[in-house]
Protein backbone atom coordinates (compact mmCIF):
# COMPACT_ATOMS: atom_id res chain seq x y z
CA MET A 1 120.97 124.13 92.26
CA SER A 2 122.37 121.66 94.31
CA ALA A 3 121.34 118.42 93.30
CA GLY A 4 119.35 117.79 96.62
CA ARG A 5 117.06 120.41 96.20
CA ARG A 6 113.80 119.87 93.83
CA PHE A 7 112.39 122.21 91.42
CA ALA A 8 109.79 124.93 91.95
CA ALA A 9 106.64 123.29 90.29
CA PRO A 10 104.85 125.71 87.82
CA GLY A 11 101.95 127.16 89.84
CA LEU A 12 99.39 125.17 86.81
CA PHE A 13 101.00 121.94 87.34
CA SER A 14 101.19 121.93 91.06
CA VAL A 15 97.77 122.79 91.88
CA THR A 16 96.61 120.68 89.53
CA SER A 17 98.23 117.73 90.94
CA MET A 18 97.13 119.04 94.52
CA VAL A 19 93.47 118.95 93.32
CA MET A 20 93.59 115.23 92.16
CA ALA A 21 95.17 114.07 95.98
CA VAL A 22 92.17 115.98 97.38
CA VAL A 23 89.50 114.76 94.71
CA VAL A 24 91.00 111.10 95.87
CA ALA A 25 90.99 111.53 99.06
CA ALA A 26 87.41 113.45 99.15
CA PRO A 27 85.63 110.12 101.03
CA LEU A 28 88.21 110.03 104.03
CA ILE A 29 87.33 113.74 104.64
CA ALA A 30 83.91 113.32 104.28
CA LEU A 31 84.79 110.11 106.97
CA LEU A 32 86.40 112.58 108.97
CA TRP A 33 83.54 115.02 109.07
CA LEU A 34 81.15 112.09 110.22
CA ALA A 35 83.86 111.36 112.80
CA PHE A 36 83.89 114.64 113.99
CA GLY A 37 81.49 117.36 112.29
CA ALA A 38 78.62 115.42 113.52
CA ALA A 39 76.05 116.51 115.90
CA PRO A 40 76.58 115.22 119.56
CA ALA A 41 72.64 114.15 119.08
CA ASP A 42 73.71 111.80 116.30
CA ALA A 43 75.72 109.45 118.27
CA ASP A 44 76.07 109.08 122.49
CA GLY A 45 79.07 107.94 121.79
CA GLY A 46 78.76 104.94 124.59
CA ALA A 47 79.79 102.10 121.90
CA LEU A 48 83.02 104.14 121.90
CA ALA A 49 83.68 104.46 124.76
CA HIS A 50 82.82 101.24 125.51
CA LEU A 51 85.44 99.61 123.14
CA PHE A 52 88.04 102.32 124.44
CA GLY A 53 87.66 101.02 127.63
CA THR A 54 87.75 97.23 127.35
CA VAL A 55 88.39 95.50 123.95
CA LEU A 56 90.46 98.49 121.83
CA PRO A 57 93.92 97.81 123.96
CA ARG A 58 93.63 94.10 122.89
CA TYR A 59 92.71 95.21 118.83
CA ALA A 60 95.41 97.55 118.81
CA LEU A 61 98.21 94.99 120.25
CA THR A 62 96.77 91.99 118.03
CA THR A 63 97.00 94.36 115.23
CA ALA A 64 100.42 95.10 116.08
CA LEU A 65 101.38 91.61 116.30
CA LEU A 66 99.73 91.09 113.08
CA ALA A 67 101.55 93.82 110.86
CA LEU A 68 104.82 92.51 112.44
CA THR A 69 104.06 89.30 111.34
CA VAL A 70 103.36 90.36 108.25
CA LEU A 71 106.10 92.39 107.73
CA ALA A 72 108.46 89.47 109.00
CA VAL A 73 107.39 87.17 106.02
CA VAL A 74 107.32 89.58 102.91
CA LEU A 75 110.94 90.98 104.08
CA LEU A 76 112.63 87.29 104.20
CA ILE A 77 110.50 86.12 101.20
CA GLY A 78 110.39 89.25 99.12
CA VAL A 79 114.06 90.61 99.73
CA GLY A 80 115.82 87.55 99.72
CA ALA A 81 113.81 86.39 96.49
CA GLY A 82 114.41 89.35 94.75
CA TRP A 83 118.31 89.37 95.17
CA LEU A 84 118.65 85.78 94.19
CA VAL A 85 116.78 86.31 90.93
CA ALA A 86 118.60 89.68 90.01
CA ALA A 87 122.04 88.29 90.65
CA TYR A 88 122.34 84.89 90.27
CA GLU A 89 121.74 82.30 87.71
CA PHE A 90 120.78 78.91 88.90
CA PRO A 91 118.27 75.85 87.77
CA GLY A 92 114.91 77.35 87.10
CA ARG A 93 116.15 81.02 87.37
CA GLY A 94 113.64 82.23 84.04
CA ALA A 95 110.41 80.25 84.80
CA LEU A 96 110.92 80.69 89.36
CA ALA A 97 111.39 85.33 88.41
CA TRP A 98 107.77 85.16 87.32
CA LEU A 99 106.30 82.06 88.97
CA LEU A 100 107.27 84.21 92.46
CA VAL A 101 104.80 86.80 91.67
CA LEU A 102 101.59 84.08 91.47
CA PRO A 103 100.47 84.67 94.83
CA LEU A 104 99.88 87.93 94.22
CA ALA A 105 96.63 86.93 92.25
CA MET A 106 95.66 84.95 95.46
CA PRO A 107 93.68 86.99 98.03
CA ALA A 108 94.31 86.04 101.47
CA PHE A 109 91.41 85.31 102.41
CA VAL A 110 90.85 82.94 99.58
CA MET A 111 94.13 81.44 100.23
CA ALA A 112 92.22 80.74 104.31
CA TYR A 113 89.32 79.09 102.86
CA ALA A 114 91.79 76.72 100.96
CA TYR A 115 93.54 76.27 104.21
CA THR A 116 91.63 75.86 106.62
CA ASP A 117 89.69 72.81 104.96
CA PHE A 118 93.09 71.38 104.36
CA LEU A 119 94.41 71.92 107.48
CA GLU A 120 91.57 71.33 110.17
CA THR A 121 91.62 68.00 112.69
CA TYR A 122 90.04 66.31 109.69
CA GLY A 123 91.74 67.45 106.86
CA PRO A 124 93.52 65.68 104.97
CA LEU A 125 96.89 66.17 106.54
CA GLN A 126 96.28 65.70 109.08
CA VAL A 127 94.12 62.72 108.57
CA TRP A 128 97.45 61.07 106.89
CA TRP A 129 99.59 62.48 109.78
CA ARG A 130 97.36 60.26 112.02
CA GLU A 131 97.03 57.06 109.62
CA LEU A 132 101.23 57.19 109.37
CA THR A 133 101.38 57.30 113.40
CA GLY A 134 98.96 55.56 114.46
CA LEU A 135 98.53 58.53 117.05
CA GLN A 136 94.87 59.74 118.08
CA VAL A 137 93.31 63.31 118.47
CA GLY A 138 95.13 64.88 120.96
CA GLN A 139 98.02 62.79 121.72
CA TYR A 140 100.17 65.02 119.01
CA TRP A 141 101.16 68.99 118.64
CA PHE A 142 99.61 70.90 115.87
CA PRO A 143 99.95 74.55 115.54
CA ASP A 144 96.47 76.36 115.77
CA ILE A 145 95.84 78.54 112.51
CA HIS A 146 92.90 80.06 113.82
CA SER A 147 95.38 82.76 115.37
CA TRP A 148 96.85 86.18 114.74
CA ARG A 149 99.88 84.26 113.59
CA GLY A 150 98.03 81.84 111.07
CA ALA A 151 96.60 85.19 109.91
CA GLY A 152 100.32 86.55 109.91
CA VAL A 153 101.83 84.28 108.21
CA PHE A 154 99.10 83.59 105.28
CA LEU A 155 98.77 87.54 104.45
CA GLY A 156 102.29 87.61 104.29
CA LEU A 157 102.62 84.64 101.37
CA ALA A 158 100.35 86.48 99.70
CA LEU A 159 101.15 89.82 100.07
CA TYR A 160 105.42 89.55 99.45
CA PRO A 161 105.28 89.58 96.08
CA TYR A 162 104.75 93.94 96.77
CA VAL A 163 108.02 93.47 98.26
CA TYR A 164 109.58 90.92 95.40
CA LEU A 165 108.56 92.79 92.36
CA LEU A 166 109.55 96.08 93.57
CA ALA A 167 112.54 94.74 95.39
CA ARG A 168 113.56 92.78 92.05
CA ALA A 169 113.34 95.63 89.71
CA ALA A 170 115.92 97.68 91.96
CA PHE A 171 118.15 94.73 92.37
CA ALA A 172 118.22 94.75 88.68
CA GLU A 173 119.46 98.10 88.29
CA ARG A 174 121.81 97.87 90.41
CA ASN A 175 125.43 99.89 89.47
CA ALA A 176 127.98 97.31 88.82
CA SER A 177 130.89 100.04 89.02
CA LEU A 178 129.53 100.99 92.39
CA ALA A 179 129.89 97.44 93.62
CA GLU A 180 133.43 97.23 92.06
CA ALA A 181 134.51 100.53 93.40
CA ALA A 182 133.66 99.21 96.70
CA ARG A 183 135.42 95.99 96.42
CA SER A 184 138.36 97.60 95.67
CA LEU A 185 138.48 99.47 98.77
CA GLY A 186 138.95 96.37 100.45
CA LEU A 187 135.49 95.09 101.52
CA SER A 188 133.38 91.90 102.01
CA PRO A 189 130.81 90.78 99.71
CA ARG A 190 128.85 91.33 102.59
CA GLN A 191 129.86 94.67 103.22
CA VAL A 192 128.83 95.48 99.72
CA TRP A 193 125.87 94.36 99.66
CA TRP A 194 125.13 96.04 103.30
CA ARG A 195 126.66 99.57 101.96
CA VAL A 196 125.75 99.89 98.65
CA ILE A 197 123.89 97.46 97.04
CA TRP A 198 120.82 97.44 100.02
CA PRO A 199 120.88 101.18 100.33
CA VAL A 200 119.85 101.67 97.00
CA ALA A 201 117.13 99.16 97.10
CA ARG A 202 115.60 100.43 100.25
CA PRO A 203 113.49 102.94 98.93
CA ALA A 204 111.66 100.50 97.05
CA VAL A 205 111.55 97.77 99.33
CA ALA A 206 110.25 100.28 101.96
CA ALA A 207 107.75 101.25 99.12
CA GLY A 208 106.44 97.63 98.78
CA SER A 209 106.84 96.70 103.11
CA ALA A 210 104.36 100.15 103.12
CA LEU A 211 101.65 98.29 100.66
CA ALA A 212 101.98 94.91 102.16
CA MET A 213 101.24 96.81 106.09
CA MET A 214 98.53 99.18 105.01
CA GLU A 215 97.03 95.44 103.08
CA THR A 216 97.27 94.14 106.60
CA LEU A 217 95.49 96.91 108.65
CA ALA A 218 92.63 97.03 105.97
CA ASP A 219 92.12 93.13 105.81
CA PHE A 220 89.02 91.73 107.06
CA GLY A 221 88.14 88.61 105.11
CA THR A 222 91.22 86.89 106.60
CA VAL A 223 91.41 88.20 110.26
CA SER A 224 86.98 87.60 110.72
CA TYR A 225 87.43 84.35 108.95
CA PHE A 226 90.28 83.02 112.22
CA ALA A 227 88.30 85.11 114.60
CA VAL A 228 91.15 87.23 115.04
CA ASP A 229 90.37 90.87 117.24
CA SER A 230 92.03 93.12 115.18
CA PHE A 231 91.49 96.69 115.07
CA THR A 232 89.37 96.58 111.91
CA ALA A 233 87.75 94.18 113.13
CA GLY A 234 86.65 96.52 115.93
CA ILE A 235 85.95 99.43 113.77
CA TYR A 236 83.35 96.64 111.54
CA ARG A 237 81.60 95.68 115.06
CA ALA A 238 80.81 98.66 116.12
CA TRP A 239 79.33 99.50 112.65
CA GLN A 240 77.51 96.66 112.62
CA GLY A 241 77.12 95.01 115.34
CA MET A 242 76.30 98.26 117.65
CA GLY A 243 74.61 100.38 115.44
CA ASP A 244 77.17 103.04 116.59
CA ARG A 245 78.53 104.88 112.97
CA VAL A 246 79.60 108.06 114.37
CA GLY A 247 81.99 105.92 117.19
CA ALA A 248 83.31 103.55 114.21
CA ALA A 249 84.02 106.41 112.11
CA ARG A 250 85.87 107.90 114.99
CA LEU A 251 87.48 104.36 115.54
CA ALA A 252 88.34 104.50 111.82
CA ALA A 253 89.83 108.21 112.16
CA ILE A 254 91.95 106.88 114.62
CA LEU A 255 93.48 104.26 112.43
CA VAL A 256 93.92 106.50 109.94
CA VAL A 257 96.03 109.04 111.87
CA VAL A 258 98.30 106.10 112.57
CA VAL A 259 98.65 105.45 108.59
CA VAL A 260 99.60 109.06 107.97
CA ALA A 261 102.24 109.22 110.65
CA LEU A 262 103.54 105.72 109.69
CA LEU A 263 103.92 107.44 106.21
CA MET A 264 104.88 110.41 107.37
CA ILE A 265 108.23 108.92 109.42
CA GLU A 266 109.04 106.01 106.69
CA ARG A 267 109.13 109.29 103.88
CA ARG A 268 110.84 111.43 106.37
CA GLN A 269 113.47 109.10 106.94
CA ARG A 270 113.70 107.89 103.29
CA GLY A 271 113.57 111.66 102.34
CA ARG A 272 117.27 111.81 104.65
CA MET A 273 118.70 108.78 102.48
CA GLN A 274 119.21 109.79 98.55
CA PHE A 275 120.41 107.58 96.85
CA HIS A 276 121.05 107.89 92.97
CA ALA A 277 122.60 105.79 90.02
CA ARG A 278 124.31 107.47 87.25
CA GLN A 279 124.72 106.18 83.86
CA PRO A 280 124.14 102.62 85.42
CA ARG A 281 125.94 99.58 84.09
CA PRO A 282 124.06 96.55 84.93
CA ALA A 283 125.54 94.10 87.08
CA PRO A 284 126.34 90.75 85.53
CA ARG A 285 124.48 87.94 87.40
CA GLN A 286 126.95 85.26 89.29
CA ARG A 287 126.20 81.63 88.15
CA LEU A 288 125.79 79.30 90.96
CA SER A 289 126.61 75.44 90.68
CA GLY A 290 126.12 72.31 92.86
CA TRP A 291 124.45 72.60 96.17
CA ALA A 292 124.66 76.73 96.15
CA ALA A 293 122.46 76.40 93.34
CA TRP A 294 119.87 73.92 94.36
CA ARG A 295 119.95 75.62 97.22
CA ALA A 296 119.04 79.13 95.64
CA THR A 297 116.13 76.74 93.42
CA LEU A 298 114.86 75.71 96.27
CA LEU A 299 114.40 78.89 98.06
CA CYS A 300 112.46 80.27 95.74
CA VAL A 301 110.36 77.13 95.08
CA VAL A 302 109.06 76.92 98.51
CA PRO A 303 107.15 80.13 98.67
CA ILE A 304 105.21 79.73 95.46
CA VAL A 305 104.04 76.31 96.58
CA LEU A 306 102.85 77.46 99.92
CA GLY A 307 101.29 80.77 98.17
CA PHE A 308 100.35 79.43 94.92
CA VAL A 309 100.08 76.05 94.27
CA LEU A 310 99.13 73.82 97.01
CA PRO A 311 95.51 76.99 97.72
CA ALA A 312 95.35 76.27 94.14
CA SER A 313 95.16 72.88 93.90
CA LEU A 314 93.12 72.63 96.51
CA LEU A 315 90.63 75.04 95.55
CA LEU A 316 91.16 73.02 92.07
CA ARG A 317 90.09 69.89 94.18
CA ALA A 318 87.03 71.32 95.84
CA SER A 319 85.72 73.19 92.86
CA LEU A 320 85.75 69.73 90.94
CA GLY A 321 83.52 68.63 93.71
CA VAL A 322 80.78 70.75 93.12
CA GLU A 323 77.67 68.57 91.85
CA THR A 324 75.57 70.93 90.24
CA GLY A 325 77.68 72.19 87.49
CA ILE A 326 78.85 75.28 86.49
CA ASP A 327 76.99 78.28 87.19
CA ALA A 328 75.37 80.25 83.55
CA ARG A 329 76.26 83.49 85.31
CA LEU A 330 79.96 83.05 85.64
CA GLY A 331 81.04 84.84 82.45
CA GLN A 332 79.02 87.44 83.70
CA TRP A 333 80.83 87.88 86.72
CA VAL A 334 84.17 87.38 85.15
CA PHE A 335 83.41 90.16 82.37
CA ASN A 336 82.08 92.46 85.42
CA THR A 337 85.46 92.14 87.08
CA ALA A 338 88.16 92.06 84.79
CA LEU A 339 85.62 95.69 83.50
CA LEU A 340 85.46 96.91 86.71
CA SER A 341 89.56 96.56 87.26
CA ALA A 342 90.87 97.91 84.32
CA CYS A 343 88.70 101.02 84.96
CA GLY A 344 90.51 101.13 88.10
CA VAL A 345 93.44 100.91 86.58
CA ALA A 346 92.85 103.54 84.18
CA VAL A 347 91.87 106.34 86.55
CA VAL A 348 94.57 105.45 89.57
CA LEU A 349 97.65 104.97 86.83
CA PRO A 350 97.59 108.55 85.53
CA LEU A 351 96.51 109.87 89.02
CA ALA A 352 99.87 108.56 90.44
CA ILE A 353 102.34 109.55 88.14
CA VAL A 354 101.39 113.46 88.07
CA THR A 355 100.87 113.59 91.60
CA ALA A 356 104.30 111.75 92.19
CA TYR A 357 105.97 114.11 89.55
CA ALA A 358 104.72 116.98 91.28
CA ALA A 359 105.99 115.72 94.73
CA ARG A 360 109.29 115.42 93.28
CA LEU A 361 108.98 119.33 92.12
CA SER A 362 107.71 121.18 94.47
CA ASN A 363 108.03 120.21 98.65
CA ALA A 364 104.85 122.73 98.88
CA TRP A 365 102.90 121.76 102.61
CA PRO A 366 99.64 121.66 100.96
CA LEU A 367 100.67 119.10 98.49
CA ARG A 368 102.26 116.99 101.61
CA VAL A 369 99.22 117.44 103.56
CA ALA A 370 96.71 116.10 100.43
CA LEU A 371 98.88 113.51 99.54
CA SER A 372 99.50 112.17 102.37
CA LEU A 373 95.75 111.98 103.45
CA ALA A 374 95.07 110.40 100.36
CA ASN A 375 98.00 107.35 100.90
CA THR A 376 95.92 106.55 104.11
CA GLY A 377 92.53 105.50 101.93
CA TYR A 378 95.07 101.69 101.40
CA ALA A 379 94.44 100.93 105.21
CA VAL A 380 91.03 102.13 105.71
CA PRO A 381 88.30 99.23 105.45
CA GLY A 382 86.44 99.12 102.73
CA VAL A 383 82.60 99.04 104.45
CA VAL A 384 83.57 101.80 105.64
CA LEU A 385 85.72 103.46 102.72
CA GLY A 386 82.28 102.74 101.31
CA VAL A 387 79.75 104.63 103.48
CA GLY A 388 82.52 107.57 103.38
CA LEU A 389 81.94 107.48 99.91
CA LEU A 390 77.99 107.22 100.38
CA ILE A 391 78.16 110.70 102.73
CA LEU A 392 79.90 112.04 100.25
CA SER A 393 78.25 111.35 97.62
CA GLY A 394 74.73 112.18 99.45
CA ALA A 395 75.76 115.63 100.31
CA VAL A 396 77.13 116.24 96.59
CA GLY A 397 74.17 115.29 95.09
CA ARG A 398 72.18 117.41 97.58
CA ALA A 399 74.21 120.36 96.21
CA LEU A 400 73.72 119.35 92.41
CA THR A 401 70.23 117.60 92.92
CA PRO A 402 68.50 121.46 90.90
CA LEU A 403 71.14 121.21 88.04
CA THR A 404 70.81 117.65 88.03
CA GLU A 405 67.17 117.59 87.54
CA SER A 406 66.79 120.33 85.27
CA LEU A 407 69.39 118.69 82.92
CA GLY A 408 68.07 115.43 82.80
CA LEU A 409 71.46 113.59 84.41
CA PRO A 410 72.02 110.53 86.55
CA MET A 411 74.06 110.84 89.58
CA LEU A 412 76.95 109.29 88.74
CA LEU A 413 78.23 108.87 92.23
CA ALA A 414 75.80 107.66 93.73
CA GLY A 415 76.00 104.38 95.63
CA GLY A 416 74.73 101.66 93.20
CA SER A 417 76.94 102.98 90.12
CA ALA A 418 80.26 101.80 88.82
CA VAL A 419 81.81 105.47 88.83
CA ALA A 420 81.19 104.55 92.53
CA VAL A 421 83.15 101.62 92.49
CA VAL A 422 85.88 102.71 90.35
CA TYR A 423 86.33 106.11 92.71
CA ALA A 424 86.54 103.84 95.44
CA TYR A 425 88.86 101.98 94.02
CA ALA A 426 90.68 105.07 93.04
CA VAL A 427 91.02 105.55 96.77
CA ARG A 428 91.79 102.79 97.68
CA PHE A 429 94.86 101.68 95.87
CA PHE A 430 95.69 105.22 94.89
CA SER A 431 98.88 104.46 97.46
CA VAL A 432 99.50 101.09 95.13
CA ALA A 433 100.37 102.91 92.63
CA PHE A 434 101.89 106.38 94.06
CA GLN A 435 104.21 103.74 96.36
CA GLY A 436 105.65 102.13 93.17
CA VAL A 437 105.99 105.28 91.02
CA ASP A 438 107.42 107.16 93.18
CA ALA A 439 109.89 104.98 94.40
CA GLY A 440 110.76 104.73 90.61
CA LEU A 441 111.17 108.45 90.33
CA LYS A 442 113.59 108.15 93.80
CA ARG A 443 115.95 105.87 91.79
CA ILE A 444 116.16 109.38 89.13
CA SER A 445 118.86 111.40 90.22
CA PRO A 446 117.75 115.13 90.37
CA SER A 447 121.15 115.81 87.88
CA MET A 448 118.83 114.79 84.89
CA ASP A 449 116.30 116.89 85.40
CA GLN A 450 118.41 119.77 86.02
CA SER A 451 120.21 119.06 82.70
CA ALA A 452 116.87 118.88 81.06
CA ARG A 453 115.41 121.54 82.33
CA SER A 454 118.66 123.59 81.52
CA LEU A 455 118.06 123.09 77.94
CA GLY A 456 114.71 124.35 77.90
CA ARG A 457 112.32 121.77 78.68
CA ARG A 458 109.84 122.25 80.17
CA PRO A 459 108.20 119.89 83.50
CA TYR A 460 105.87 117.49 81.75
CA GLU A 461 108.78 117.24 79.05
CA VAL A 462 110.96 115.99 81.08
CA LEU A 463 108.53 113.87 82.94
CA ARG A 464 107.84 112.46 79.03
CA ASP A 465 111.35 112.40 77.66
CA VAL A 466 113.60 111.51 80.49
CA HIS A 467 112.21 109.84 83.39
CA TRP A 468 109.61 107.59 81.75
CA PRO A 469 111.45 105.79 79.46
CA LEU A 470 113.51 105.36 83.22
CA MET A 471 110.87 103.62 85.08
CA ARG A 472 108.10 102.46 82.80
CA ARG A 473 108.66 98.72 84.30
CA THR A 474 108.53 100.52 88.09
CA VAL A 475 104.98 101.76 86.59
CA GLY A 476 104.27 98.78 84.81
CA ALA A 477 104.10 96.82 87.98
CA ALA A 478 102.59 99.34 89.94
CA GLY A 479 99.82 98.59 87.46
CA LEU A 480 99.71 95.28 87.87
CA LEU A 481 99.61 95.71 91.70
CA VAL A 482 96.19 98.18 91.21
CA PHE A 483 94.97 95.23 88.84
CA ILE A 484 95.32 92.93 90.94
CA ASP A 485 94.15 94.35 94.09
CA CYS A 486 90.83 95.83 91.68
CA LEU A 487 90.25 91.97 91.31
CA LYS A 488 90.23 90.95 94.76
CA GLU A 489 88.72 94.21 96.56
CA LEU A 490 85.27 92.93 98.36
CA PRO A 491 83.96 95.66 101.35
CA ALA A 492 83.71 98.72 99.32
CA THR A 493 82.59 96.74 95.75
CA LEU A 494 80.07 94.62 98.07
CA VAL A 495 78.75 98.12 99.10
CA LEU A 496 78.71 99.94 96.04
CA ARG A 497 78.31 97.78 93.04
CA PRO A 498 74.92 97.75 91.10
CA PHE A 499 71.81 95.73 91.70
CA ASN A 500 72.26 92.37 90.06
CA PHE A 501 76.10 93.53 89.10
CA ASP A 502 78.59 90.45 90.85
CA THR A 503 81.92 90.35 90.81
CA LEU A 504 84.12 87.09 91.32
CA ALA A 505 85.18 88.26 94.73
CA VAL A 506 81.51 89.23 95.65
CA VAL A 507 79.97 85.95 94.73
CA THR A 508 82.61 84.52 96.83
CA TYR A 509 81.88 85.63 99.92
CA GLN A 510 78.11 85.08 99.36
CA PHE A 511 79.13 81.48 98.91
CA ALA A 512 81.00 81.46 101.96
CA SER A 513 78.88 83.13 103.56
CA ASP A 514 76.36 80.51 102.81
CA GLU A 515 78.65 78.07 104.08
CA ARG A 516 78.87 76.70 100.50
CA LEU A 517 82.05 76.42 100.21
CA ALA A 518 82.03 74.08 97.38
CA GLN A 519 80.32 76.91 95.48
CA ALA A 520 82.94 79.54 96.68
CA ALA A 521 85.36 77.07 94.79
CA LEU A 522 85.26 77.72 91.20
CA PRO A 523 84.64 81.87 91.91
CA ALA A 524 87.89 82.20 93.93
CA LEU A 525 89.93 80.18 91.68
CA LEU A 526 88.74 82.26 89.01
CA ILE A 527 89.97 85.20 90.54
CA VAL A 528 93.18 83.57 90.79
CA VAL A 529 93.12 82.88 86.96
CA VAL A 530 92.35 86.06 85.91
CA GLY A 531 94.24 87.56 87.92
CA VAL A 532 97.57 85.54 86.27
CA VAL A 533 97.07 86.51 82.95
CA PRO A 534 98.56 90.61 83.83
CA VAL A 535 100.89 88.74 86.76
CA VAL A 536 102.84 86.42 84.04
CA TRP A 537 102.55 89.24 81.10
CA LEU A 538 104.64 91.93 83.66
CA SER A 539 106.84 89.55 85.16
CA ARG A 540 107.69 88.42 81.45
CA VAL A 541 108.02 91.88 79.50
CA ALA A 542 107.75 94.43 81.52
CA LEU A 543 110.40 93.34 83.90
CA SER A 544 112.10 90.95 81.52
CA ASP A 545 115.26 93.01 82.64
CA THR A 546 116.23 90.58 84.73
CA ARG A 547 116.04 87.47 83.06
């Protein structure tokens, strides 16, 4: 069997994985049913026609510009910092290696709140500038952060750790012998990087970039706070402002189609470029000295300051200014947030491992279609996803009502239950775990599977004994990303949470919506504090290979 071919997965393993993917995609299927299967009497389509004829082109253009801005920021910081930390020794590298992940604990909409107060006309920065120069408002230029450019920069600062984590792990596992062979053939260090090192790391960088792009497409908090007319804003406007849920569902379906197309293009391109390291010998890090060393330190410090230290300091300053004291419900909010996030990881990670491994074993088109649809959940706005789950739970509830009533069982997937919230997390963040696990599997040569199978190992034994030791750091990174995303998730939690079961993100949103930004500062800061714990743990333990 050639290295490029895949094994045929046993029927039970393949079918089980496909069922898992379909379960994850079920709310999206319900959403598509609402969009295209509802009776014409359910909606006149007027709002949808109005959007197509007036504002939809602007939504599409703004979303494209926003996504390109975020992509540029996450690639510049994520790949650059990942390479510096994995390949070089410089002052402060050991601490910076894990500090660079801290912006992942800072929700983009929280960063927007903090920076808006800081950068406004009468914020501390412009007040200081006027006092220093003697200029008045209107006599000097200052960038307008309430634009797609500002939203793109802040989203990029919050999302670059997606690329950094995966790129850092990939660069750390680079094969020293391949680089040495390339140098012996006369290639310059720059040519070695582009022709040997970058192709091996590219699948991981592509996976991180895909996650950042889908998070950008699904973001509502940041773009709404900055009044950016993104595609997601159009969906919310049709759903809530115009009251046309079928029209909004059709707009969301367009977004799903776009995401599926992007995922298929990326996976097809990546599938044509197979790079595997055989018996890798990790390359030693090069020690920098002089200005080059301090420049590397500075380049790593800047994104930490902009993406974490400064907004966290602004939140701390605002929370200390609250005169009403600490809310007695704060401990319960922290517990609810941590519990739901941990449950989300416990559900999503096994699903991702099983389905990613099944995709490695089998190229069957039903599994590919199911996985493509399941991976789009990350780009669907949370409220729309929540409504899709409500539609699904309503249909299932009607079908199972006789059984549940006869047995006296509750309807676990009904809106207003913790199970529904965790299910929404599984749909929303399945792609986060799947992309990371799949990138880890892509770096393992198919010849290792062939060798294990030739020795009589069954597929699950190959996964347990061969793949797991090689990819557990990548799986740990994927678990971290899921946990942090669950911490920060707002719209679906707001729609589906049980009564009087608030999370830190929900209360932050509620306080900010009531213009109580000082009260919102403390729960927002606690989102960061709770998220920092797994960030530090994973960076210093699970990814200790880059030390």
